[in-house]
Every structure is written in structure tokens, then in C-alpha cells.
Amino acid sequence: MLIIALKLVPLCRFLRTAIVIALGGEPKKWHSDEELEEYITSVDKRIVPLLHDLIVMLDYLYALKQANEALDTQERDVLEDAYRLVVEIKAIAA
């Protein structure tokens, strides 16, 4: 289980749900995040670590923004993590 900013929880739920749908699953509202990740892992165990990498980067970026810190390469890092995740899902779903 990841500990993230509460404001990011809906986004993370959306990401998990979208991935399950992209992989051919049918997520229900009552499925927990853990259940969604179990389904994702059952399709391909490489996706959940990529998803967690993206979530951690989003949380880090959010924390920097909240602290009014300058963002140097962090935004690019988030985009690169997102790109790796999308490429992996597209390869599996194809």
C-alpha cells in the first residue's frame, strides 16, 4: 500500500481503473485498490511497479508544489514514468 497525499487518491483510483479497463477487465466501484492491482498483476506483473513509480513521482511533485519549491527535472521525470507505463500497457493490450 502506498501512502500518498489525500488529494491524489482519486487520480490514483482513476489510473488503476483505466489500466484494468485497458487490459480487458471490468472494474466495479466496490473493488478496492488492492483488488484492482491484483487483477493488473494477474495480467502482467511488470505494470504495478511502473504504476507505483508514477504514483510516487506524482506525490513527490505535489509535495514540491505545496512547498513552493522550484521544479527542475521533476516534471520531466513524471512524464517519463507515465510514458513507460503507457507503452507497457499498450504492448500488453495489443
N, C-alpha and C. Protein backbone atom coordinates (compact mmCIF):
# COMPACT_ATOMS: atom_id res chain seq x y z
N MET A 1 0.84 -1.17 0.00
CA MET A 1 0.00 0.00 0.00
C MET A 1 0.89 1.24 0.00
N LEU A 2 0.54 2.17 -0.81
CA LEU A 2 1.27 3.43 -0.91
C LEU A 2 0.61 4.48 -0.02
N ILE A 3 1.42 5.31 0.59
CA ILE A 3 0.90 6.44 1.36
C ILE A 3 1.12 7.68 0.51
N ILE A 4 0.02 8.31 0.12
CA ILE A 4 0.10 9.47 -0.77
C ILE A 4 -0.79 10.59 -0.25
N ALA A 5 -0.63 11.76 -0.82
CA ALA A 5 -1.47 12.90 -0.45
C ALA A 5 -2.94 12.58 -0.75
N LEU A 6 -3.81 12.94 0.17
CA LEU A 6 -5.24 12.64 0.01
C LEU A 6 -5.81 13.20 -1.29
N LYS A 7 -5.31 14.35 -1.72
CA LYS A 7 -5.83 14.95 -2.95
C LYS A 7 -5.49 14.11 -4.18
N LEU A 8 -4.51 13.23 -4.08
CA LEU A 8 -4.11 12.39 -5.22
C LEU A 8 -4.85 11.06 -5.26
N VAL A 9 -5.57 10.71 -4.20
CA VAL A 9 -6.25 9.42 -4.13
C VAL A 9 -7.22 9.22 -5.30
N PRO A 10 -8.09 10.19 -5.63
CA PRO A 10 -8.99 9.98 -6.77
C PRO A 10 -8.24 9.78 -8.09
N LEU A 11 -7.16 10.50 -8.29
CA LEU A 11 -6.37 10.34 -9.50
C LEU A 11 -5.77 8.94 -9.56
N CYS A 12 -5.25 8.47 -8.45
CA CYS A 12 -4.66 7.13 -8.42
C CYS A 12 -5.71 6.06 -8.65
N ARG A 13 -6.90 6.26 -8.10
CA ARG A 13 -8.01 5.33 -8.34
C ARG A 13 -8.35 5.32 -9.84
N PHE A 14 -8.42 6.50 -10.44
CA PHE A 14 -8.69 6.59 -11.87
C PHE A 14 -7.63 5.85 -12.68
N LEU A 15 -6.37 6.03 -12.33
CA LEU A 15 -5.29 5.36 -13.06
C LEU A 15 -5.44 3.84 -12.98
N ARG A 16 -5.69 3.32 -11.78
CA ARG A 16 -5.86 1.87 -11.63
C ARG A 16 -7.05 1.37 -12.44
N THR A 17 -8.16 2.08 -12.35
CA THR A 17 -9.37 1.68 -13.07
C THR A 17 -9.14 1.72 -14.58
N ALA A 18 -8.50 2.77 -15.07
CA ALA A 18 -8.23 2.88 -16.50
C ALA A 18 -7.31 1.77 -16.99
N ILE A 19 -6.34 1.39 -16.17
CA ILE A 19 -5.43 0.31 -16.56
C ILE A 19 -6.19 -1.01 -16.63
N VAL A 20 -7.04 -1.27 -15.64
CA VAL A 20 -7.82 -2.51 -15.65
C VAL A 20 -8.69 -2.57 -16.91
N ILE A 21 -9.33 -1.48 -17.25
CA ILE A 21 -10.17 -1.44 -18.45
C ILE A 21 -9.32 -1.67 -19.70
N ALA A 22 -8.17 -1.01 -19.77
CA ALA A 22 -7.29 -1.17 -20.93
C ALA A 22 -6.81 -2.60 -21.09
N LEU A 23 -6.71 -3.32 -19.98
CA LEU A 23 -6.25 -4.71 -20.03
C LEU A 23 -7.40 -5.70 -20.22
N GLY A 24 -8.61 -5.18 -20.40
CA GLY A 24 -9.76 -6.03 -20.68
C GLY A 24 -10.58 -6.42 -19.47
N GLY A 25 -10.28 -5.84 -18.33
CA GLY A 25 -11.04 -6.14 -17.12
C GLY A 25 -12.28 -5.27 -17.00
N GLU A 26 -13.09 -5.61 -16.02
CA GLU A 26 -14.32 -4.86 -15.77
C GLU A 26 -14.35 -4.44 -14.30
N PRO A 27 -13.69 -3.33 -13.98
CA PRO A 27 -13.66 -2.91 -12.58
C PRO A 27 -15.03 -2.44 -12.10
N LYS A 28 -15.31 -2.75 -10.85
CA LYS A 28 -16.55 -2.31 -10.22
C LYS A 28 -16.22 -1.28 -9.15
N LYS A 29 -17.20 -0.46 -8.81
CA LYS A 29 -16.97 0.59 -7.81
C LYS A 29 -16.54 0.03 -6.46
N TRP A 30 -17.00 -1.16 -6.14
CA TRP A 30 -16.68 -1.74 -4.83
C TRP A 30 -15.32 -2.44 -4.79
N HIS A 31 -14.65 -2.57 -5.92
CA HIS A 31 -13.31 -3.16 -5.92
C HIS A 31 -12.33 -2.22 -5.22
N SER A 32 -11.56 -2.78 -4.32
CA SER A 32 -10.55 -1.96 -3.63
C SER A 32 -9.37 -1.72 -4.57
N ASP A 33 -8.53 -0.79 -4.19
CA ASP A 33 -7.31 -0.55 -4.97
C ASP A 33 -6.46 -1.81 -5.03
N GLU A 34 -6.42 -2.54 -3.92
CA GLU A 34 -5.64 -3.77 -3.88
C GLU A 34 -6.20 -4.80 -4.86
N GLU A 35 -7.52 -4.90 -4.94
CA GLU A 35 -8.14 -5.85 -5.88
C GLU A 35 -7.84 -5.45 -7.32
N LEU A 36 -7.88 -4.16 -7.60
CA LEU A 36 -7.55 -3.71 -8.95
C LEU A 36 -6.10 -4.05 -9.28
N GLU A 37 -5.21 -3.84 -8.32
CA GLU A 37 -3.81 -4.15 -8.55
C GLU A 37 -3.58 -5.66 -8.68
N GLU A 38 -4.35 -6.46 -7.97
CA GLU A 38 -4.25 -7.92 -8.12
C GLU A 38 -4.62 -8.32 -9.54
N TYR A 39 -5.68 -7.71 -10.08
CA TYR A 39 -6.06 -8.02 -11.45
C TYR A 39 -4.95 -7.61 -12.41
N ILE A 40 -4.43 -6.41 -12.24
CA ILE A 40 -3.35 -5.92 -13.12
C ILE A 40 -2.16 -6.88 -13.05
N THR A 41 -1.80 -7.30 -11.86
CA THR A 41 -0.67 -8.23 -11.69
C THR A 41 -0.95 -9.57 -12.34
N SER A 42 -2.21 -10.01 -12.31
CA SER A 42 -2.54 -11.29 -12.94
C SER A 42 -2.36 -11.24 -14.45
N VAL A 43 -2.48 -10.06 -15.03
CA VAL A 43 -2.27 -9.90 -16.47
C VAL A 43 -0.79 -9.76 -16.78
N ASP A 44 -0.11 -8.90 -16.03
CA ASP A 44 1.33 -8.71 -16.22
C ASP A 44 1.92 -8.09 -14.96
N LYS A 45 2.85 -8.80 -14.35
CA LYS A 45 3.40 -8.34 -13.07
C LYS A 45 4.33 -7.14 -13.19
N ARG A 46 4.66 -6.71 -14.39
CA ARG A 46 5.54 -5.55 -14.57
C ARG A 46 4.80 -4.22 -14.47
N ILE A 47 3.49 -4.23 -14.60
CA ILE A 47 2.73 -2.98 -14.66
C ILE A 47 2.60 -2.30 -13.30
N VAL A 48 2.31 -3.06 -12.25
CA VAL A 48 2.09 -2.45 -10.94
C VAL A 48 3.32 -1.69 -10.44
N PRO A 49 4.54 -2.24 -10.58
CA PRO A 49 5.70 -1.42 -10.17
C PRO A 49 5.82 -0.12 -10.97
N LEU A 50 5.49 -0.16 -12.25
CA LEU A 50 5.52 1.07 -13.06
C LEU A 50 4.47 2.05 -12.57
N LEU A 51 3.29 1.53 -12.24
CA LEU A 51 2.22 2.37 -11.70
C LEU A 51 2.66 3.00 -10.38
N HIS A 52 3.26 2.20 -9.52
CA HIS A 52 3.73 2.73 -8.23
C HIS A 52 4.80 3.79 -8.42
N ASP A 53 5.69 3.58 -9.39
CA ASP A 53 6.71 4.60 -9.69
C ASP A 53 6.05 5.92 -10.07
N LEU A 54 5.02 5.84 -10.92
CA LEU A 54 4.32 7.05 -11.35
C LEU A 54 3.62 7.71 -10.17
N ILE A 55 2.95 6.93 -9.35
CA ILE A 55 2.23 7.48 -8.20
C ILE A 55 3.20 8.17 -7.24
N VAL A 56 4.33 7.54 -6.98
CA VAL A 56 5.33 8.15 -6.09
C VAL A 56 5.85 9.46 -6.68
N MET A 57 6.10 9.47 -7.97
CA MET A 57 6.57 10.71 -8.62
C MET A 57 5.51 11.80 -8.56
N LEU A 58 4.24 11.44 -8.78
CA LEU A 58 3.16 12.43 -8.69
C LEU A 58 3.06 12.98 -7.28
N ASP A 59 3.19 12.12 -6.29
CA ASP A 59 3.13 12.55 -4.90
C ASP A 59 4.29 13.49 -4.57
N TYR A 60 5.47 13.15 -5.06
CA TYR A 60 6.66 13.98 -4.85
C TYR A 60 6.47 15.35 -5.51
N LEU A 61 5.96 15.35 -6.73
CA LEU A 61 5.71 16.59 -7.45
C LEU A 61 4.69 17.44 -6.70
N TYR A 62 3.64 16.81 -6.21
CA TYR A 62 2.61 17.51 -5.44
C TYR A 62 3.21 18.13 -4.18
N ALA A 63 4.06 17.37 -3.48
CA ALA A 63 4.69 17.89 -2.26
C ALA A 63 5.58 19.09 -2.58
N LEU A 64 6.31 19.03 -3.68
CA LEU A 64 7.15 20.16 -4.07
C LEU A 64 6.30 21.39 -4.38
N LYS A 65 5.19 21.18 -5.07
CA LYS A 65 4.30 22.31 -5.40
C LYS A 65 3.72 22.92 -4.12
N GLN A 66 3.33 22.07 -3.18
CA GLN A 66 2.76 22.55 -1.92
C GLN A 66 3.79 23.37 -1.13
N ALA A 67 5.05 23.01 -1.26
CA ALA A 67 6.11 23.71 -0.54
C ALA A 67 6.67 24.88 -1.35
N ASN A 68 6.05 25.16 -2.49
CA ASN A 68 6.51 26.23 -3.38
C ASN A 68 7.97 26.09 -3.78
N GLU A 69 8.39 24.85 -3.97
CA GLU A 69 9.76 24.57 -4.42
C GLU A 69 9.83 24.68 -5.93
N ALA A 70 10.99 25.06 -6.42
CA ALA A 70 11.21 25.11 -7.86
C ALA A 70 11.26 23.69 -8.42
N LEU A 71 10.65 23.52 -9.57
CA LEU A 71 10.64 22.20 -10.22
C LEU A 71 11.67 22.22 -11.33
N ASP A 72 12.70 21.43 -11.16
CA ASP A 72 13.76 21.39 -12.17
C ASP A 72 13.44 20.29 -13.19
N THR A 73 13.82 19.10 -12.89
CA THR A 73 13.61 17.98 -13.83
C THR A 73 12.47 17.09 -13.39
N GLN A 74 11.82 17.40 -12.28
CA GLN A 74 10.80 16.52 -11.74
C GLN A 74 9.62 16.33 -12.68
N GLU A 75 9.18 17.40 -13.35
CA GLU A 75 8.05 17.28 -14.26
C GLU A 75 8.40 16.33 -15.41
N ARG A 76 9.60 16.44 -15.91
CA ARG A 76 10.04 15.54 -16.99
C ARG A 76 10.11 14.10 -16.49
N ASP A 77 10.56 13.90 -15.27
CA ASP A 77 10.62 12.56 -14.69
C ASP A 77 9.23 11.93 -14.60
N VAL A 78 8.24 12.72 -14.20
CA VAL A 78 6.86 12.22 -14.12
C VAL A 78 6.37 11.82 -15.51
N LEU A 79 6.63 12.65 -16.50
CA LEU A 79 6.21 12.33 -17.86
C LEU A 79 6.89 11.07 -18.38
N GLU A 80 8.15 10.90 -18.05
CA GLU A 80 8.86 9.70 -18.48
C GLU A 80 8.30 8.45 -17.81
N ASP A 81 7.97 8.53 -16.52
CA ASP A 81 7.34 7.40 -15.83
C ASP A 81 5.99 7.08 -16.45
N ALA A 82 5.20 8.11 -16.73
CA ALA A 82 3.89 7.90 -17.35
C ALA A 82 4.04 7.27 -18.73
N TYR A 83 5.00 7.73 -19.49
CA TYR A 83 5.23 7.18 -20.83
C TYR A 83 5.60 5.69 -20.76
N ARG A 84 6.48 5.32 -19.84
CA ARG A 84 6.87 3.91 -19.70
C ARG A 84 5.66 3.05 -19.36
N LEU A 85 4.80 3.56 -18.49
CA LEU A 85 3.60 2.83 -18.11
C LEU A 85 2.66 2.65 -19.30
N VAL A 86 2.43 3.71 -20.05
CA VAL A 86 1.55 3.65 -21.21
C VAL A 86 2.08 2.68 -22.26
N VAL A 87 3.36 2.73 -22.53
CA VAL A 87 3.97 1.84 -23.52
C VAL A 87 3.79 0.38 -23.11
N GLU A 88 4.01 0.09 -21.84
CA GLU A 88 3.87 -1.28 -21.34
C GLU A 88 2.43 -1.77 -21.48
N ILE A 89 1.48 -0.93 -21.11
CA ILE A 89 0.07 -1.32 -21.19
C ILE A 89 -0.35 -1.51 -22.64
N LYS A 90 0.07 -0.62 -23.52
CA LYS A 90 -0.28 -0.75 -24.94
C LYS A 90 0.29 -2.04 -25.51
N ALA A 91 1.49 -2.41 -25.12
CA ALA A 91 2.10 -3.64 -25.63
C ALA A 91 1.32 -4.87 -25.18
N ILE A 92 0.82 -4.84 -23.97
CA ILE A 92 0.07 -5.98 -23.44
C ILE A 92 -1.33 -6.02 -24.02
N ALA A 93 -1.97 -4.87 -24.12
CA ALA A 93 -3.36 -4.80 -24.58
C ALA A 93 -3.49 -5.01 -26.09
N ALA A 94 -2.40 -4.90 -26.82
CA ALA A 94 -2.46 -5.02 -28.29
C ALA A 94 -2.72 -6.43 -28.74
